[in-house]
Amino acid sequence: MQRTLSVIEYSVDEEAMATLSKALSHPVRLKILKLLDSHVCCFTGELTEIIPMAQSTISQHLKALLDAGLIQGEIHPPKVRYCINREQWLKASALFGKFFLSEKECD
């Protein structure tokens, strides 16, 4: 039996929200974002003191947040300083706000 599937087109906003949602899908990442948001900046070494996980695990979570653009990092050997990417943070807030606050019609 052959199935035919139509190609689904996604808007730029839908793609962006999916990327952001994936980055926000782990509680450790949410904790990291809250910590970074409450400080001007934070080094990875300090994060491992606050979040009792291996440096490699924290680094994997930081990479997911970096890839989504929610945080940015500056290399200061031997450490990397991470901060909230305020521009992307505002865009994410606007995207999700627009999505959740839009009027929905129910049948």
N, C-alpha and C. Protein backbone atom coordinates (compact mmCIF):
# COMPACT_ATOMS: atom_id res chain seq x y z
N MET A 1 0.84 -1.17 0.00
CA MET A 1 0.00 0.00 0.00
C MET A 1 0.89 1.24 0.00
N GLN A 2 0.60 2.14 -0.88
CA GLN A 2 1.40 3.35 -0.99
C GLN A 2 0.66 4.51 -0.33
N ARG A 3 1.39 5.25 0.44
CA ARG A 3 0.81 6.42 1.08
C ARG A 3 1.37 7.67 0.42
N THR A 4 0.55 8.64 0.30
CA THR A 4 1.02 9.93 -0.20
C THR A 4 0.88 10.93 0.92
N LEU A 5 1.92 11.65 1.14
CA LEU A 5 1.92 12.67 2.18
C LEU A 5 2.16 14.03 1.54
N SER A 6 1.38 14.97 1.93
CA SER A 6 1.60 16.33 1.46
C SER A 6 2.74 16.95 2.24
N VAL A 7 3.49 17.78 1.59
CA VAL A 7 4.56 18.50 2.26
C VAL A 7 3.93 19.59 3.12
N ILE A 8 4.34 19.67 4.35
CA ILE A 8 3.82 20.69 5.24
C ILE A 8 4.79 21.86 5.27
N GLU A 9 4.28 23.02 5.00
CA GLU A 9 5.09 24.24 5.04
C GLU A 9 4.96 24.87 6.43
N TYR A 10 6.08 25.29 6.98
CA TYR A 10 6.09 25.95 8.29
C TYR A 10 6.58 27.37 8.11
N SER A 11 5.99 28.26 8.89
CA SER A 11 6.43 29.66 8.84
C SER A 11 7.76 29.81 9.57
N VAL A 12 8.40 30.91 9.34
CA VAL A 12 9.66 31.21 10.03
C VAL A 12 9.42 31.23 11.54
N ASP A 13 8.29 31.80 11.96
CA ASP A 13 7.97 31.86 13.39
C ASP A 13 7.76 30.46 13.97
N GLU A 14 7.09 29.59 13.23
CA GLU A 14 6.87 28.22 13.71
C GLU A 14 8.19 27.47 13.86
N GLU A 15 9.07 27.63 12.88
CA GLU A 15 10.39 26.99 12.96
C GLU A 15 11.18 27.53 14.15
N ALA A 16 11.13 28.84 14.35
CA ALA A 16 11.86 29.46 15.47
C ALA A 16 11.31 28.97 16.80
N MET A 17 9.99 28.91 16.91
CA MET A 17 9.39 28.44 18.17
C MET A 17 9.73 26.98 18.44
N ALA A 18 9.80 26.17 17.41
CA ALA A 18 10.16 24.76 17.59
C ALA A 18 11.60 24.64 18.10
N THR A 19 12.50 25.43 17.54
CA THR A 19 13.90 25.43 17.98
C THR A 19 14.00 25.88 19.43
N LEU A 20 13.31 26.96 19.75
CA LEU A 20 13.32 27.47 21.12
C LEU A 20 12.70 26.47 22.09
N SER A 21 11.60 25.86 21.68
CA SER A 21 10.92 24.88 22.54
C SER A 21 11.84 23.71 22.87
N LYS A 22 12.57 23.27 21.87
CA LYS A 22 13.50 22.15 22.09
C LYS A 22 14.58 22.56 23.11
N ALA A 23 15.08 23.78 22.97
CA ALA A 23 16.11 24.26 23.91
C ALA A 23 15.55 24.42 25.32
N LEU A 24 14.28 24.73 25.43
CA LEU A 24 13.65 24.94 26.74
C LEU A 24 13.06 23.66 27.33
N SER A 25 13.23 22.54 26.65
CA SER A 25 12.54 21.32 27.03
C SER A 25 13.19 20.52 28.17
N HIS A 26 14.25 21.03 28.75
CA HIS A 26 14.88 20.31 29.86
C HIS A 26 14.95 21.22 31.08
N PRO A 27 14.57 20.71 32.25
CA PRO A 27 14.55 21.55 33.46
C PRO A 27 15.91 22.14 33.82
N VAL A 28 17.01 21.45 33.51
CA VAL A 28 18.34 22.00 33.81
C VAL A 28 18.58 23.25 32.97
N ARG A 29 18.13 23.23 31.73
CA ARG A 29 18.30 24.40 30.86
C ARG A 29 17.49 25.58 31.38
N LEU A 30 16.31 25.30 31.89
CA LEU A 30 15.49 26.37 32.47
C LEU A 30 16.19 26.95 33.70
N LYS A 31 16.79 26.08 34.50
CA LYS A 31 17.52 26.53 35.69
C LYS A 31 18.72 27.39 35.28
N ILE A 32 19.44 26.96 34.27
CA ILE A 32 20.59 27.73 33.78
C ILE A 32 20.13 29.11 33.31
N LEU A 33 19.04 29.16 32.55
CA LEU A 33 18.53 30.45 32.07
C LEU A 33 18.13 31.35 33.23
N LYS A 34 17.48 30.81 34.25
CA LYS A 34 17.10 31.61 35.42
C LYS A 34 18.34 32.14 36.13
N LEU A 35 19.35 31.30 36.25
CA LEU A 35 20.59 31.73 36.92
C LEU A 35 21.28 32.84 36.12
N LEU A 36 21.38 32.64 34.82
CA LEU A 36 22.03 33.65 33.98
C LEU A 36 21.22 34.94 33.95
N ASP A 37 19.91 34.82 33.97
CA ASP A 37 19.06 36.01 33.94
C ASP A 37 19.17 36.82 35.23
N SER A 38 19.50 36.14 36.33
CA SER A 38 19.61 36.84 37.61
C SER A 38 21.00 37.42 37.86
N HIS A 39 21.94 37.14 36.95
CA HIS A 39 23.30 37.67 37.05
C HIS A 39 23.64 38.42 35.77
N VAL A 40 24.64 39.27 35.87
CA VAL A 40 25.09 39.94 34.66
C VAL A 40 25.72 38.91 33.72
N CYS A 41 26.57 38.05 34.26
CA CYS A 41 27.19 36.97 33.50
C CYS A 41 27.57 35.86 34.47
N CYS A 42 27.95 34.74 33.92
CA CYS A 42 28.29 33.60 34.75
C CYS A 42 29.29 32.72 34.01
N PHE A 43 30.31 32.26 34.70
CA PHE A 43 31.26 31.33 34.10
C PHE A 43 30.76 29.91 34.30
N THR A 44 31.15 29.01 33.40
CA THR A 44 30.69 27.63 33.52
C THR A 44 31.12 26.99 34.82
N GLY A 45 32.29 27.30 35.30
CA GLY A 45 32.75 26.72 36.56
C GLY A 45 31.80 27.05 37.70
N GLU A 46 31.27 28.26 37.70
CA GLU A 46 30.32 28.67 38.73
C GLU A 46 29.01 27.90 38.61
N LEU A 47 28.62 27.57 37.40
CA LEU A 47 27.38 26.82 37.21
C LEU A 47 27.48 25.44 37.83
N THR A 48 28.63 24.80 37.72
CA THR A 48 28.77 23.46 38.30
C THR A 48 28.77 23.51 39.83
N GLU A 49 29.08 24.66 40.40
CA GLU A 49 29.00 24.80 41.85
C GLU A 49 27.54 24.93 42.30
N ILE A 50 26.70 25.51 41.44
CA ILE A 50 25.30 25.73 41.77
C ILE A 50 24.44 24.53 41.37
N ILE A 51 24.73 23.98 40.19
CA ILE A 51 23.99 22.82 39.68
C ILE A 51 24.92 21.61 39.82
N PRO A 52 24.62 20.69 40.71
CA PRO A 52 25.53 19.58 40.98
C PRO A 52 25.55 18.53 39.86
N MET A 53 26.16 18.91 38.75
CA MET A 53 26.28 18.00 37.61
C MET A 53 27.70 18.09 37.08
N ALA A 54 28.08 17.11 36.31
CA ALA A 54 29.40 17.10 35.69
C ALA A 54 29.53 18.28 34.72
N GLN A 55 30.74 18.80 34.61
CA GLN A 55 31.01 19.91 33.70
C GLN A 55 30.59 19.56 32.27
N SER A 56 30.82 18.32 31.85
CA SER A 56 30.47 17.91 30.50
C SER A 56 28.95 17.95 30.28
N THR A 57 28.18 17.59 31.30
CA THR A 57 26.72 17.63 31.19
C THR A 57 26.24 19.07 31.11
N ILE A 58 26.78 19.92 31.96
CA ILE A 58 26.42 21.36 31.92
C ILE A 58 26.78 21.92 30.55
N SER A 59 27.93 21.55 30.02
CA SER A 59 28.36 22.04 28.71
C SER A 59 27.39 21.63 27.61
N GLN A 60 26.86 20.42 27.67
CA GLN A 60 25.88 19.96 26.67
C GLN A 60 24.61 20.81 26.73
N HIS A 61 24.18 21.12 27.94
CA HIS A 61 22.99 21.96 28.09
C HIS A 61 23.27 23.38 27.60
N LEU A 62 24.45 23.90 27.91
CA LEU A 62 24.82 25.23 27.43
C LEU A 62 24.86 25.28 25.91
N LYS A 63 25.36 24.21 25.30
CA LYS A 63 25.42 24.16 23.84
C LYS A 63 24.02 24.23 23.23
N ALA A 64 23.06 23.52 23.82
CA ALA A 64 21.68 23.57 23.31
C ALA A 64 21.11 24.98 23.41
N LEU A 65 21.41 25.67 24.50
CA LEU A 65 20.94 27.05 24.67
C LEU A 65 21.65 28.00 23.72
N LEU A 66 22.94 27.76 23.50
CA LEU A 66 23.71 28.56 22.54
C LEU A 66 23.17 28.37 21.12
N ASP A 67 22.94 27.12 20.76
CA ASP A 67 22.45 26.81 19.40
C ASP A 67 21.09 27.47 19.13
N ALA A 68 20.27 27.60 20.16
CA ALA A 68 18.97 28.25 20.02
C ALA A 68 19.09 29.77 20.06
N GLY A 69 20.28 30.25 20.43
CA GLY A 69 20.50 31.70 20.48
C GLY A 69 20.04 32.35 21.76
N LEU A 70 19.61 31.56 22.74
CA LEU A 70 19.11 32.15 23.99
C LEU A 70 20.22 32.69 24.89
N ILE A 71 21.42 32.14 24.72
CA ILE A 71 22.57 32.65 25.48
C ILE A 71 23.71 32.91 24.51
N GLN A 72 24.70 33.64 24.99
CA GLN A 72 25.90 33.88 24.21
C GLN A 72 27.10 33.66 25.12
N GLY A 73 28.23 33.35 24.53
CA GLY A 73 29.41 33.06 25.32
C GLY A 73 30.62 33.82 24.81
N GLU A 74 31.48 34.20 25.74
CA GLU A 74 32.76 34.82 25.41
C GLU A 74 33.86 33.97 26.02
N ILE A 75 34.88 33.70 25.23
CA ILE A 75 35.98 32.88 25.73
C ILE A 75 36.96 33.76 26.49
N HIS A 76 37.20 33.38 27.75
CA HIS A 76 38.19 34.01 28.61
C HIS A 76 39.02 32.87 29.19
N PRO A 77 40.05 32.42 28.44
CA PRO A 77 40.79 31.23 28.87
C PRO A 77 41.15 31.29 30.34
N PRO A 78 40.98 30.18 31.02
CA PRO A 78 40.52 28.87 30.53
C PRO A 78 39.00 28.70 30.63
N LYS A 79 38.27 29.77 30.86
CA LYS A 79 36.82 29.65 31.04
C LYS A 79 36.07 30.35 29.91
N VAL A 80 34.78 30.06 29.86
CA VAL A 80 33.89 30.74 28.94
C VAL A 80 32.83 31.44 29.79
N ARG A 81 32.59 32.71 29.48
CA ARG A 81 31.59 33.48 30.21
C ARG A 81 30.29 33.46 29.41
N TYR A 82 29.22 33.01 30.04
CA TYR A 82 27.91 32.93 29.38
C TYR A 82 26.97 33.98 29.92
N CYS A 83 26.17 34.55 29.03
CA CYS A 83 25.17 35.56 29.38
C CYS A 83 23.91 35.30 28.57
N ILE A 84 22.81 35.84 29.05
CA ILE A 84 21.56 35.81 28.28
C ILE A 84 21.75 36.67 27.03
N ASN A 85 21.29 36.17 25.90
CA ASN A 85 21.29 36.96 24.67
C ASN A 85 19.99 37.76 24.69
N ARG A 86 20.07 39.01 25.15
CA ARG A 86 18.86 39.82 25.38
C ARG A 86 18.04 40.02 24.11
N GLU A 87 18.69 40.19 22.98
CA GLU A 87 17.96 40.39 21.73
C GLU A 87 17.11 39.16 21.39
N GLN A 88 17.73 37.98 21.46
CA GLN A 88 16.99 36.74 21.17
C GLN A 88 15.95 36.45 22.25
N TRP A 89 16.26 36.81 23.48
CA TRP A 89 15.34 36.62 24.61
C TRP A 89 14.05 37.40 24.35
N LEU A 90 14.18 38.64 23.88
CA LEU A 90 13.01 39.46 23.58
C LEU A 90 12.22 38.91 22.39
N LYS A 91 12.93 38.43 21.38
CA LYS A 91 12.26 37.82 20.23
C LYS A 91 11.48 36.58 20.66
N ALA A 92 12.10 35.75 21.50
CA ALA A 92 11.43 34.53 21.98
C ALA A 92 10.19 34.90 22.79
N SER A 93 10.32 35.88 23.64
CA SER A 93 9.19 36.33 24.44
C SER A 93 8.04 36.81 23.56
N ALA A 94 8.38 37.56 22.53
CA ALA A 94 7.35 38.07 21.61
C ALA A 94 6.68 36.92 20.84
N LEU A 95 7.49 35.97 20.36
CA LEU A 95 6.93 34.83 19.62
C LEU A 95 5.96 34.02 20.47
N PHE A 96 6.40 33.66 21.68
CA PHE A 96 5.54 32.84 22.53
C PHE A 96 4.35 33.64 23.03
N GLY A 97 4.56 34.92 23.33
CA GLY A 97 3.45 35.77 23.75
C GLY A 97 2.39 35.85 22.68
N LYS A 98 2.82 36.07 21.45
CA LYS A 98 1.89 36.15 20.32
C LYS A 98 1.14 34.83 20.15
N PHE A 99 1.86 33.72 20.31
CA PHE A 99 1.25 32.39 20.15
C PHE A 99 0.21 32.12 21.23
N PHE A 100 0.58 32.35 22.49
CA PHE A 100 -0.31 32.01 23.60
C PHE A 100 -1.43 33.03 23.81
N LEU A 101 -1.23 34.24 23.38
CA LEU A 101 -2.25 35.27 23.60
C LEU A 101 -3.18 35.48 22.41
N SER A 102 -2.90 34.78 21.32
CA SER A 102 -3.76 34.96 20.15
C SER A 102 -5.15 34.41 20.45
N GLU A 103 -6.13 35.07 19.87
CA GLU A 103 -7.50 34.60 20.05
C GLU A 103 -7.70 33.32 19.27
N LYS A 104 -8.33 32.38 19.89
CA LYS A 104 -8.57 31.11 19.23
C LYS A 104 -10.07 30.89 19.10
N GLU A 105 -10.44 30.35 17.98
CA GLU A 105 -11.84 30.04 17.76
C GLU A 105 -12.06 28.56 18.06
N CYS A 106 -13.11 28.26 18.76
CA CYS A 106 -13.48 26.88 19.04
C CYS A 106 -14.82 26.60 18.41
N ASP A 107 -14.94 25.42 17.90
CA ASP A 107 -16.25 25.04 17.30
C ASP A 107 -17.21 24.60 18.36
